Protein backbone atom coordinates (compact mmCIF):
# COMPACT_ATOMS: atom_id res chain seq x y z
CA MET A 1 0.00 0.00 0.00
CA GLN A 2 1.35 3.42 -0.98
CA ASN A 3 1.55 6.14 1.63
CA THR A 4 -0.29 9.45 1.47
CA ASN A 5 2.85 11.38 0.50
CA ASN A 6 2.17 10.22 -3.05
CA LEU A 7 -1.36 11.65 -3.01
CA GLU A 8 -0.38 14.85 -4.83
CA GLU A 9 1.43 12.79 -7.46
CA PHE A 10 -1.68 10.63 -7.80
CA PHE A 11 -3.98 13.66 -8.22
CA GLN A 12 -1.66 15.08 -10.91
CA SER A 13 -1.32 11.78 -12.79
CA LYS A 14 -2.60 11.41 -16.33
CA GLU A 15 -4.83 8.52 -15.22
CA TYR A 16 -6.53 10.61 -12.52
CA LYS A 17 -6.88 13.57 -14.88
CA GLU A 18 -8.63 11.40 -17.49
CA LEU A 19 -10.88 9.78 -14.85
CA SER A 20 -11.84 13.19 -13.43
CA LYS A 21 -12.45 14.60 -16.89
CA LYS A 22 -14.79 11.71 -17.74
CA ASN A 23 -16.67 12.05 -14.42
CA ILE A 24 -17.04 15.80 -14.93
CA HIS A 25 -18.27 15.28 -18.50
CA ASP A 26 -20.78 12.60 -17.47
CA THR A 27 -22.09 14.68 -14.54
CA LEU A 28 -22.53 17.80 -16.69
CA GLU A 29 -24.17 15.75 -19.45
CA LEU A 30 -26.72 14.31 -17.01
CA LEU A 31 -27.50 17.71 -15.49
CA LEU A 32 -28.00 19.27 -18.92
CA LYS A 33 -30.11 16.34 -20.12
CA ARG A 34 -32.36 16.62 -17.05
CA GLY A 35 -32.60 20.42 -17.30
CA MET A 36 -31.15 20.90 -13.82
CA GLU A 37 -29.48 24.25 -13.12
CA PHE A 38 -26.23 24.04 -11.13
CA SER A 39 -23.05 25.84 -10.18
CA ILE A 40 -19.43 25.10 -10.93
CA ILE A 41 -16.23 26.21 -9.28
CA SER A 42 -13.35 26.42 -11.71
CA TYR A 43 -9.74 27.49 -12.04
CA THR A 44 -9.80 30.73 -14.04
CA ASN A 45 -6.28 30.75 -15.49
CA ILE A 46 -7.20 28.48 -18.42
CA ILE A 47 -10.74 29.68 -19.15
CA ASP A 48 -11.13 31.17 -22.61
CA PHE A 49 -13.31 34.32 -22.49
CA ASN A 50 -14.65 35.41 -25.88
CA PRO A 51 -14.57 38.36 -25.98
CA ALA A 52 -12.06 38.96 -23.20
CA ILE A 53 -13.50 40.75 -20.18
CA PRO A 54 -11.83 44.12 -19.46
CA ASN A 55 -10.16 44.28 -16.03
CA GLU A 56 -12.19 47.36 -15.11
CA ILE A 57 -15.36 45.21 -15.31
CA ILE A 58 -14.07 42.26 -13.28
CA GLU A 59 -10.81 40.65 -12.19
CA PHE A 60 -10.99 36.97 -11.34
CA ASP A 61 -9.28 35.22 -8.47
CA GLU A 62 -7.51 31.92 -9.14
CA ILE A 63 -10.81 30.08 -8.60
CA ALA A 64 -14.31 31.39 -9.33
CA MET A 65 -17.88 30.15 -9.00
CA PHE A 66 -20.26 30.33 -11.95
CA ILE A 67 -24.01 29.79 -11.60
CA ILE A 68 -25.28 27.90 -14.64
CA ALA A 69 -28.90 29.05 -14.66
CA GLY A 70 -31.24 30.98 -16.95
CA TYR A 71 -29.53 32.13 -20.13
CA SER A 72 -26.17 30.67 -19.06
CA PHE A 73 -27.85 27.26 -18.81
CA GLU A 74 -29.74 27.66 -22.09
CA SER A 75 -26.59 28.73 -23.95
CA SER A 76 -24.39 25.97 -22.51
CA THR A 77 -22.69 23.36 -24.68
CA LEU A 78 -20.62 20.35 -23.76
CA ASN A 79 -18.10 18.44 -25.82
CA LYS A 80 -15.54 15.83 -24.81
CA ASP A 81 -12.99 18.43 -23.64
CA THR A 82 -14.82 21.67 -22.89
CA PHE A 83 -17.90 23.11 -21.19
CA SER A 84 -19.03 26.46 -22.64
CA PHE A 85 -21.73 28.95 -21.76
CA GLU A 86 -22.51 32.64 -22.10
CA ALA A 87 -22.53 34.89 -19.05
CA GLY A 88 -22.83 38.58 -18.25
CA PHE A 89 -20.40 40.40 -15.96
CA GLY A 90 -20.44 43.69 -14.10
CA VAL A 91 -23.14 46.32 -13.74
CA GLU A 92 -23.61 46.58 -17.50
CA ASN A 93 -23.87 42.78 -17.89
CA TYR A 94 -20.86 42.59 -20.25
CA GLY A 95 -21.40 39.39 -22.25
CA SER A 96 -18.75 36.77 -22.89
CA ILE A 97 -18.71 33.12 -23.90
CA LEU A 98 -16.67 31.09 -21.43
CA SER A 99 -15.01 27.90 -22.60
CA ILE A 100 -13.74 25.87 -19.66
CA PRO A 101 -11.55 22.80 -20.10
CA LEU A 102 -13.28 20.04 -18.14
CA GLU A 103 -10.22 19.34 -16.00
CA ALA A 104 -10.32 22.97 -14.77
CA ILE A 105 -13.67 22.36 -13.03
CA VAL A 106 -13.05 21.83 -9.31
CA GLN A 107 -16.62 21.31 -8.10
CA ILE A 108 -20.15 20.86 -9.39
CA ALA A 109 -23.07 21.53 -7.04
CA ILE A 110 -26.81 21.98 -6.98
CA GLY A 111 -27.62 24.55 -4.31
CA GLU A 112 -25.80 23.38 -1.17
CA GLU A 113 -25.43 19.78 -2.40
CA LEU A 114 -21.95 18.96 -3.67
CA LEU A 115 -22.17 16.51 -6.58
CA LEU A 116 -18.55 16.27 -7.65
CA ILE A 117 -15.11 17.30 -6.49
CA ASN A 118 -11.99 17.18 -8.66
CA HIS A 119 -8.52 17.25 -7.11
CA TYR A 120 -6.62 17.62 -10.39
CA GLU A 121 -4.97 21.04 -10.71
CA PRO A 122 -4.50 22.03 -14.35
CA LYS A 123 -1.50 23.95 -15.60
CA GLU A 124 -1.64 26.66 -18.25
CA VAL A 125 -2.65 25.08 -21.54
CA ILE A 126 -0.21 25.46 -24.41
CA PRO A 127 -2.09 25.25 -27.69
CA GLU A 128 -1.23 22.12 -29.65
CA GLU A 129 -0.23 24.23 -32.66
CA VAL A 130 2.52 25.82 -30.56
CA ASN A 131 3.80 22.41 -29.47
CA ASN A 132 3.68 21.15 -33.06
CA SER A 133 5.48 24.26 -34.34
CA MET A 134 8.21 23.83 -31.74
CA ASP A 135 8.58 20.13 -32.63
CA ILE A 136 8.91 20.99 -36.31
CA LEU A 137 11.44 23.71 -35.50
CA LEU A 138 13.53 21.45 -33.29
CA ASN A 139 13.42 18.50 -35.69
CA ASN A 140 15.32 20.49 -38.33
CA PRO A 141 19.09 20.14 -37.69
CA GLU A 142 19.75 23.56 -39.29
CA ASN A 143 17.43 25.21 -36.76
CA LEU A 144 19.21 23.46 -33.90
CA LYS A 145 22.51 24.92 -35.15
CA LEU A 146 20.96 28.42 -35.23
CA ILE A 147 19.56 28.04 -31.71
CA LYS A 148 22.93 26.83 -30.41
CA ARG A 149 24.75 29.66 -32.18
CA ASN A 150 22.29 32.20 -30.72
CA LYS A 151 22.82 30.81 -27.19
CA ASP A 152 26.62 30.97 -27.64
CA ASN A 153 26.38 34.61 -28.81
CA GLN A 154 24.35 35.55 -25.71
CA LYS A 155 27.13 34.38 -23.35
């Protein structure tokens, strides 16, 4: 039996992330199917706001609660990786579509009843195109020479 010192490693493992993501997806899918309004608590550092919300309207903490009710509920969509909905912020109800990676959702609740808790803590998401571009760049031996030469010149 493993000791609890490995708990953080467990919560950050790929297997736990995928399990949590599936549980979050399935819970959201059931709530949407049944027409049940709910709230989520989510990490905000990897939420995509479209359009971006100006800081003078609202600044988010690391974690925020969103009530998925009314128009936010009606506008919500769920795919295998992301939960999206439209919400209004500030006095003037500044509208934005929020796209939240499922693994960024920490809790799902109905009123005071906690339905799901996720211990996985996501890191900033690097778009796959950036990773692919870097791989292509680094796979070319000529580019590696240029990078090395540039590092040598900076010394």
